[in-house]
Amino acid sequence: MTSEQPGNPLHGITLAAMLEKLVAHYGWDELGYMINIRCFTFDPSIKSSLAFLRKTPWARKKVETLYLDTLDDFAPDAT
């Protein structure tokens, strides 16, 4: 059984999806400047970044906050 989370803009969005959108929007260099963590600034990859973010709550929170702040900048999906 899953509980509904009305009003939670992150509900249903995976960390991987957030990170992929941020990297596509900003690129690794800008993302590393905005959130100064080693997995974004030294030999970055989605896989290594996800491993770090999943075990580091403060870093994940920074990514989630940036994602929410950038949400309006993402181009809507073409339908």
PDB file of N, CA and C in Angstrom:
ATOM      1  N   MET A   1       0.829  -1.173   0.000  1.00  0.00           N
ATOM      2  CA  MET A   1       0.000   0.000   0.000  1.00  0.00           C
ATOM      3  C   MET A   1       0.881   1.247   0.000  1.00  0.00           C
ATOM      4  N   THR A   2       0.567   2.167  -0.895  1.00  0.00           N
ATOM      5  CA  THR A   2       1.308   3.419  -0.930  1.00  0.00           C
ATOM      6  C   THR A   2       0.404   4.547  -0.469  1.00  0.00           C
ATOM      7  N   SER A   3       0.989   5.529   0.171  1.00  0.00           N
ATOM      8  CA  SER A   3       0.196   6.661   0.632  1.00  0.00           C
ATOM      9  C   SER A   3       0.310   7.789  -0.385  1.00  0.00           C
ATOM     10  N   GLU A   4      -0.757   8.519  -0.539  1.00  0.00           N
ATOM     11  CA  GLU A   4      -0.772   9.665  -1.436  1.00  0.00           C
ATOM     12  C   GLU A   4      -0.030  10.817  -0.773  1.00  0.00           C
ATOM     13  N   GLN A   5       0.598  11.630  -1.595  1.00  0.00           N
ATOM     14  CA  GLN A   5       1.317  12.789  -1.087  1.00  0.00           C
ATOM     15  C   GLN A   5       0.873  14.028  -1.846  1.00  0.00           C
ATOM     16  N   PRO A   6      -0.357  14.473  -1.614  1.00  0.00           N
ATOM     17  CA  PRO A   6      -0.828  15.646  -2.343  1.00  0.00           C
ATOM     18  C   PRO A   6       0.012  16.873  -1.979  1.00  0.00           C
ATOM     19  N   GLY A   7       0.340  17.651  -2.971  1.00  0.00           N
ATOM     20  CA  GLY A   7       1.102  18.865  -2.718  1.00  0.00           C
ATOM     21  C   GLY A   7       2.601  18.676  -2.667  1.00  0.00           C
ATOM     22  N   ASN A   8       3.085  17.434  -2.752  1.00  0.00           N
ATOM     23  CA  ASN A   8       4.523  17.191  -2.736  1.00  0.00           C
ATOM     24  C   ASN A   8       5.015  17.183  -4.180  1.00  0.00           C
ATOM     25  N   PRO A   9       5.733  18.244  -4.607  1.00  0.00           N
ATOM     26  CA  PRO A   9       6.167  18.313  -5.997  1.00  0.00           C
ATOM     27  C   PRO A   9       7.212  17.257  -6.378  1.00  0.00           C
ATOM     28  N   LEU A  10       7.823  16.615  -5.400  1.00  0.00           N
ATOM     29  CA  LEU A  10       8.820  15.585  -5.681  1.00  0.00           C
ATOM     30  C   LEU A  10       8.218  14.182  -5.728  1.00  0.00           C
ATOM     31  N   HIS A  11       6.935  14.059  -5.391  1.00  0.00           N
ATOM     32  CA  HIS A  11       6.302  12.746  -5.372  1.00  0.00           C
ATOM     33  C   HIS A  11       6.324  12.129  -6.771  1.00  0.00           C
ATOM     34  N   GLY A  12       6.863  10.922  -6.866  1.00  0.00           N
ATOM     35  CA  GLY A  12       6.906  10.192  -8.119  1.00  0.00           C
ATOM     36  C   GLY A  12       8.115  10.503  -8.988  1.00  0.00           C
ATOM     37  N   ILE A  13       8.978  11.397  -8.540  1.00  0.00           N
ATOM     38  CA  ILE A  13      10.173  11.749  -9.307  1.00  0.00           C
ATOM     39  C   ILE A  13      11.373  11.082  -8.644  1.00  0.00           C
ATOM     40  N   THR A  14      12.080  10.283  -9.402  1.00  0.00           N
ATOM     41  CA  THR A  14      13.239   9.590  -8.833  1.00  0.00           C
ATOM     42  C   THR A  14      14.431  10.537  -8.744  1.00  0.00           C
ATOM     43  N   LEU A  15      15.341  10.194  -7.875  1.00  0.00           N
ATOM     44  CA  LEU A  15      16.572  10.960  -7.748  1.00  0.00           C
ATOM     45  C   LEU A  15      17.337  10.948  -9.068  1.00  0.00           C
ATOM     46  N   ALA A  16      17.328   9.815  -9.743  1.00  0.00           N
ATOM     47  CA  ALA A  16      18.009   9.715 -11.039  1.00  0.00           C
ATOM     48  C   ALA A  16      17.399  10.676 -12.052  1.00  0.00           C
ATOM     49  N   ALA A  17      16.080  10.761 -12.096  1.00  0.00           N
ATOM     50  CA  ALA A  17      15.415  11.669 -13.033  1.00  0.00           C
ATOM     51  C   ALA A  17      15.754  13.123 -12.713  1.00  0.00           C
ATOM     52  N   MET A  18      15.764  13.464 -11.429  1.00  0.00           N
ATOM     53  CA  MET A  18      16.127  14.822 -11.025  1.00  0.00           C
ATOM     54  C   MET A  18      17.538  15.158 -11.484  1.00  0.00           C
ATOM     55  N   LEU A  19      18.456  14.259 -11.197  1.00  0.00           N
ATOM     56  CA  LEU A  19      19.855  14.497 -11.523  1.00  0.00           C
ATOM     57  C   LEU A  19      20.055  14.594 -13.036  1.00  0.00           C
ATOM     58  N   GLU A  20      19.423  13.727 -13.793  1.00  0.00           N
ATOM     59  CA  GLU A  20      19.550  13.761 -15.251  1.00  0.00           C
ATOM     60  C   GLU A  20      19.035  15.076 -15.823  1.00  0.00           C
ATOM     61  N   LYS A  21      17.913  15.572 -15.298  1.00  0.00           N
ATOM     62  CA  LYS A  21      17.379  16.852 -15.774  1.00  0.00           C
ATOM     63  C   LYS A  21      18.301  18.002 -15.405  1.00  0.00           C
ATOM     64  N   LEU A  22      18.841  17.977 -14.191  1.00  0.00           N
ATOM     65  CA  LEU A  22      19.747  19.048 -13.774  1.00  0.00           C
ATOM     66  C   LEU A  22      21.020  19.053 -14.621  1.00  0.00           C
ATOM     67  N   VAL A  23      21.562  17.877 -14.890  1.00  0.00           N
ATOM     68  CA  VAL A  23      22.778  17.790 -15.714  1.00  0.00           C
ATOM     69  C   VAL A  23      22.476  18.256 -17.138  1.00  0.00           C
ATOM     70  N   ALA A  24      21.332  17.875 -17.680  1.00  0.00           N
ATOM     71  CA  ALA A  24      20.966  18.304 -19.032  1.00  0.00           C
ATOM     72  C   ALA A  24      20.775  19.821 -19.086  1.00  0.00           C
ATOM     73  N   HIS A  25      20.239  20.379 -18.033  1.00  0.00           N
ATOM     74  CA  HIS A  25      19.951  21.822 -17.996  1.00  0.00           C
ATOM     75  C   HIS A  25      21.205  22.659 -17.736  1.00  0.00           C
ATOM     76  N   TYR A  26      21.997  22.262 -16.749  1.00  0.00           N
ATOM     77  CA  TYR A  26      23.150  23.056 -16.329  1.00  0.00           C
ATOM     78  C   TYR A  26      24.489  22.535 -16.845  1.00  0.00           C
ATOM     79  N   GLY A  27      24.608  21.231 -17.013  1.00  0.00           N
ATOM     80  CA  GLY A  27      25.907  20.617 -17.304  1.00  0.00           C
ATOM     81  C   GLY A  27      26.643  20.370 -15.993  1.00  0.00           C
ATOM     82  N   TRP A  28      27.637  19.482 -16.037  1.00  0.00           N
ATOM     83  CA  TRP A  28      28.363  19.115 -14.814  1.00  0.00           C
ATOM     84  C   TRP A  28      29.131  20.286 -14.211  1.00  0.00           C
ATOM     85  N   ASP A  29      29.748  21.109 -15.069  1.00  0.00           N
ATOM     86  CA  ASP A  29      30.556  22.217 -14.550  1.00  0.00           C
ATOM     87  C   ASP A  29      29.712  23.193 -13.731  1.00  0.00           C
ATOM     88  N   GLU A  30      28.594  23.610 -14.302  1.00  0.00           N
ATOM     89  CA  GLU A  30      27.719  24.564 -13.598  1.00  0.00           C
ATOM     90  C   GLU A  30      27.089  23.910 -12.367  1.00  0.00           C
ATOM     91  N   LEU A  31      26.690  22.663 -12.496  1.00  0.00           N
ATOM     92  CA  LEU A  31      26.102  21.958 -11.358  1.00  0.00           C
ATOM     93  C   LEU A  31      27.108  21.845 -10.222  1.00  0.00           C
ATOM     94  N   GLY A  32      28.357  21.553 -10.555  1.00  0.00           N
ATOM     95  CA  GLY A  32      29.407  21.491  -9.540  1.00  0.00           C
ATOM     96  C   GLY A  32      29.686  22.827  -8.901  1.00  0.00           C
ATOM     97  N   TYR A  33      29.497  23.899  -9.650  1.00  0.00           N
ATOM     98  CA  TYR A  33      29.663  25.247  -9.097  1.00  0.00           C
ATOM     99  C   TYR A  33      28.514  25.573  -8.139  1.00  0.00           C
ATOM    100  N   MET A  34      27.304  25.190  -8.538  1.00  0.00           N
ATOM    101  CA  MET A  34      26.118  25.506  -7.734  1.00  0.00           C
ATOM    102  C   MET A  34      26.032  24.657  -6.468  1.00  0.00           C
ATOM    103  N   ILE A  35      26.400  23.386  -6.591  1.00  0.00           N
ATOM    104  CA  ILE A  35      26.422  22.468  -5.449  1.00  0.00           C
ATOM    105  C   ILE A  35      27.824  21.874  -5.426  1.00  0.00           C
ATOM    106  N   ASN A  36      28.668  22.427  -4.596  1.00  0.00           N
ATOM    107  CA  ASN A  36      30.087  22.065  -4.596  1.00  0.00           C
ATOM    108  C   ASN A  36      30.326  20.761  -3.827  1.00  0.00           C
ATOM    109  N   ILE A  37      30.089  19.658  -4.533  1.00  0.00           N
ATOM    110  CA  ILE A  37      30.411  18.350  -3.973  1.00  0.00           C
ATOM    111  C   ILE A  37      31.277  17.611  -4.988  1.00  0.00           C
ATOM    112  N   ARG A  38      32.190  16.828  -4.487  1.00  0.00           N
ATOM    113  CA  ARG A  38      33.214  16.193  -5.317  1.00  0.00           C
ATOM    114  C   ARG A  38      32.636  15.342  -6.449  1.00  0.00           C
ATOM    115  N   CYS A  39      31.533  14.669  -6.205  1.00  0.00           N
ATOM    116  CA  CYS A  39      30.982  13.805  -7.252  1.00  0.00           C
ATOM    117  C   CYS A  39      30.469  14.612  -8.451  1.00  0.00           C
ATOM    118  N   PHE A  40      30.305  15.933  -8.297  1.00  0.00           N
ATOM    119  CA  PHE A  40      29.912  16.792  -9.409  1.00  0.00           C
ATOM    120  C   PHE A  40      31.111  17.489 -10.040  1.00  0.00           C
ATOM    121  N   THR A  41      32.217  17.582  -9.319  1.00  0.00           N
ATOM    122  CA  THR A  41      33.345  18.378  -9.805  1.00  0.00           C
ATOM    123  C   THR A  41      34.541  17.555 -10.267  1.00  0.00           C
ATOM    124  N   PHE A  42      34.651  16.318  -9.833  1.00  0.00           N
ATOM    125  CA  PHE A  42      35.802  15.492 -10.192  1.00  0.00           C
ATOM    126  C   PHE A  42      35.324  14.203 -10.848  1.00  0.00           C
ATOM    127  N   ASP A  43      35.556  14.061 -12.137  1.00  0.00           N
ATOM    128  CA  ASP A  43      35.165  12.876 -12.899  1.00  0.00           C
ATOM    129  C   ASP A  43      33.695  12.511 -12.656  1.00  0.00           C
ATOM    130  N   PRO A  44      32.773  13.450 -12.937  1.00  0.00           N
ATOM    131  CA  PRO A  44      31.362  13.215 -12.607  1.00  0.00           C
ATOM    132  C   PRO A  44      30.697  12.182 -13.506  1.00  0.00           C
ATOM    133  N   SER A  45      29.777  11.462 -12.910  1.00  0.00           N
ATOM    134  CA  SER A  45      28.917  10.545 -13.662  1.00  0.00           C
ATOM    135  C   SER A  45      27.606  10.414 -12.898  1.00  0.00           C
ATOM    136  N   ILE A  46      26.578  10.036 -13.603  1.00  0.00           N
ATOM    137  CA  ILE A  46      25.278   9.830 -12.965  1.00  0.00           C
ATOM    138  C   ILE A  46      25.395   8.726 -11.907  1.00  0.00           C
ATOM    139  N   LYS A  47      26.041   7.616 -12.273  1.00  0.00           N
ATOM    140  CA  LYS A  47      26.144   6.466 -11.374  1.00  0.00           C
ATOM    141  C   LYS A  47      26.846   6.822 -10.064  1.00  0.00           C
ATOM    142  N   SER A  48      28.018   7.469 -10.146  1.00  0.00           N
ATOM    143  CA  SER A  48      28.753   7.790  -8.917  1.00  0.00           C
ATOM    144  C   SER A  48      28.019   8.854  -8.098  1.00  0.00           C
ATOM    145  N   SER A  49      27.385   9.791  -8.784  1.00  0.00           N
ATOM    146  CA  SER A  49      26.645  10.830  -8.079  1.00  0.00           C
ATOM    147  C   SER A  49      25.441  10.244  -7.336  1.00  0.00           C
ATOM    148  N   LEU A  50      24.731   9.335  -7.986  1.00  0.00           N
ATOM    149  CA  LEU A  50      23.587   8.701  -7.331  1.00  0.00           C
ATOM    150  C   LEU A  50      24.025   7.912  -6.103  1.00  0.00           C
ATOM    151  N   ALA A  51      25.125   7.202  -6.212  1.00  0.00           N
ATOM    152  CA  ALA A  51      25.626   6.431  -5.064  1.00  0.00           C
ATOM    153  C   ALA A  51      25.908   7.353  -3.885  1.00  0.00           C
ATOM    154  N   PHE A  52      26.541   8.492  -4.140  1.00  0.00           N
ATOM    155  CA  PHE A  52      26.845   9.449  -3.072  1.00  0.00           C
ATOM    156  C   PHE A  52      25.574  10.086  -2.524  1.00  0.00           C
ATOM    157  N   LEU A  53      24.695  10.528  -3.400  1.00  0.00           N
ATOM    158  CA  LEU A  53      23.489  11.232  -2.965  1.00  0.00           C
ATOM    159  C   LEU A  53      22.548  10.327  -2.171  1.00  0.00           C
ATOM    160  N   ARG A  54      22.511   9.056  -2.504  1.00  0.00           N
ATOM    161  CA  ARG A  54      21.616   8.134  -1.796  1.00  0.00           C
ATOM    162  C   ARG A  54      22.058   7.885  -0.359  1.00  0.00           C
ATOM    163  N   LYS A  55      23.347   8.064  -0.076  1.00  0.00           N
ATOM    164  CA  LYS A  55      23.813   7.817   1.294  1.00  0.00           C
ATOM    165  C   LYS A  55      24.181   9.105   2.038  1.00  0.00           C
ATOM    166  N   THR A  56      23.936  10.262   1.414  1.00  0.00           N
ATOM    167  CA  THR A  56      24.303  11.539   2.027  1.00  0.00           C
ATOM    168  C   THR A  56      23.094  12.474   2.013  1.00  0.00           C
ATOM    169  N   PRO A  57      22.299  12.464   3.083  1.00  0.00           N
ATOM    170  CA  PRO A  57      21.049  13.237   3.098  1.00  0.00           C
ATOM    171  C   PRO A  57      21.214  14.739   2.849  1.00  0.00           C
ATOM    172  N   TRP A  58      22.258  15.359   3.386  1.00  0.00           N
ATOM    173  CA  TRP A  58      22.405  16.808   3.191  1.00  0.00           C
ATOM    174  C   TRP A  58      22.666  17.146   1.721  1.00  0.00           C
ATOM    175  N   ALA A  59      23.405  16.299   1.016  1.00  0.00           N
ATOM    176  CA  ALA A  59      23.691  16.542  -0.398  1.00  0.00           C
ATOM    177  C   ALA A  59      22.435  16.298  -1.241  1.00  0.00           C
ATOM    178  N   ARG A  60      21.702  15.249  -0.899  1.00  0.00           N
ATOM    179  CA  ARG A  60      20.456  14.966  -1.619  1.00  0.00           C
ATOM    180  C   ARG A  60      19.480  16.122  -1.459  1.00  0.00           C
ATOM    181  N   LYS A  61      19.409  16.686  -0.271  1.00  0.00           N
ATOM    182  CA  LYS A  61      18.520  17.820  -0.013  1.00  0.00           C
ATOM    183  C   LYS A  61      18.896  19.009  -0.895  1.00  0.00           C
ATOM    184  N   LYS A  62      20.188  19.257  -1.073  1.00  0.00           N
ATOM    185  CA  LYS A  62      20.633  20.356  -1.940  1.00  0.00           C
ATOM    186  C   LYS A  62      20.204  20.119  -3.392  1.00  0.00           C
ATOM    187  N   VAL A  63      20.310  18.885  -3.849  1.00  0.00           N
ATOM    188  CA  VAL A  63      19.893  18.548  -5.217  1.00  0.00           C
ATOM    189  C   VAL A  63      18.381  18.721  -5.351  1.00  0.00           C
ATOM    190  N   GLU A  64      17.622  18.252  -4.380  1.00  0.00           N
ATOM    191  CA  GLU A  64      16.166  18.390  -4.420  1.00  0.00           C
ATOM    192  C   GLU A  64      15.755  19.859  -4.421  1.00  0.00           C
ATOM    193  N   THR A  65      16.418  20.666  -3.613  1.00  0.00           N
ATOM    194  CA  THR A  65      16.113  22.093  -3.546  1.00  0.00           C
ATOM    195  C   THR A  65      16.420  22.776  -4.871  1.00  0.00           C
ATOM    196  N   LEU A  66      17.575  22.479  -5.461  1.00  0.00           N
ATOM    197  CA  LEU A  66      17.924  23.057  -6.754  1.00  0.00           C
ATOM    198  C   LEU A  66      16.927  22.607  -7.817  1.00  0.00           C
ATOM    199  N   TYR A  67      16.546  21.347  -7.787  1.00  0.00           N
ATOM    200  CA  TYR A  67      15.564  20.834  -8.752  1.00  0.00           C
ATOM    201  C   TYR A  67      14.252  21.615  -8.642  1.00  0.00           C
ATOM    202  N   LEU A  68      13.774  21.803  -7.428  1.00  0.00           N
ATOM    203  CA  LEU A  68      12.531  22.541  -7.233  1.00  0.00           C
ATOM    204  C   LEU A  68      12.672  23.995  -7.676  1.00  0.00           C
ATOM    205  N   ASP A  69      13.812  24.607  -7.386  1.00  0.00           N
ATOM    206  CA  ASP A  69      14.047  25.997  -7.784  1.00  0.00           C
ATOM    207  C   ASP A  69      14.132  26.136  -9.305  1.00  0.00           C
ATOM    208  N   THR A  70      14.530  25.076  -9.984  1.00  0.00           N
ATOM    209  CA  THR A  70      14.747  25.103 -11.429  1.00  0.00           C
ATOM    210  C   THR A  70      13.554  24.551 -12.195  1.00  0.00           C
ATOM    211  N   LEU A  71      12.596  24.008 -11.510  1.00  0.00           N
ATOM    212  CA  LEU A  71      11.467  23.321 -12.138  1.00  0.00           C
ATOM    213  C   LEU A  71      10.805  24.151 -13.236  1.00  0.00           C
ATOM    214  N   ASP A  72      10.638  25.434 -13.029  1.00  0.00           N
ATOM    215  CA  ASP A  72       9.986  26.283 -14.029  1.00  0.00           C
ATOM    216  C   ASP A  72      10.846  26.485 -15.275  1.00  0.00           C
ATOM    217  N   ASP A  73      12.155  26.295 -15.153  1.00  0.00           N
ATOM    218  CA  ASP A  73      13.064  26.480 -16.290  1.00  0.00           C
ATOM    219  C   ASP A  73      13.090  25.293 -17.243  1.00  0.00           C
ATOM    220  N   PHE A  74      12.659  24.136 -16.766  1.00  0.00           N
ATOM    221  CA  PHE A  74      12.691  22.939 -17.611  1.00  0.00           C
ATOM    222  C   PHE A  74      11.633  23.077 -18.701  1.00  0.00           C
ATOM    223  N   ALA A  75      12.023  22.735 -19.899  1.00  0.00           N
ATOM    224  CA  ALA A  75      11.085  22.798 -21.024  1.00  0.00           C
ATOM    225  C   ALA A  75      10.011  21.733 -20.845  1.00  0.00           C
ATOM    226  N   PRO A  76       8.769  22.074 -21.118  1.00  0.00           N
ATOM    227  CA  PRO A  76       7.712  21.062 -21.007  1.00  0.00           C
ATOM    228  C   PRO A  76       7.882  19.998 -22.079  1.00  0.00           C
ATOM    229  N   ASP A  77       7.437  18.796 -21.763  1.00  0.00           N
ATOM    230  CA  ASP A  77       7.506  17.695 -22.723  1.00  0.00           C
ATOM    231  C   ASP A  77       6.592  17.993 -23.913  1.00  0.00           C
ATOM    232  N   ALA A  78       7.078  17.722 -25.098  1.00  0.00           N
ATOM    233  CA  ALA A  78       6.266  17.934 -26.293  1.00  0.00           C
ATOM    234  C   ALA A  78       5.210  16.848 -26.382  1.00  0.00           C
ATOM    235  N   THR A  79       3.970  17.270 -26.541  1.00  0.00           N
ATOM    236  CA  THR A  79       2.885  16.289 -26.660  1.00  0.00           C
ATOM    237  C   THR A  79       2.055  16.567 -27.879  1.00  0.00           C
TER     238      THR A  79
END
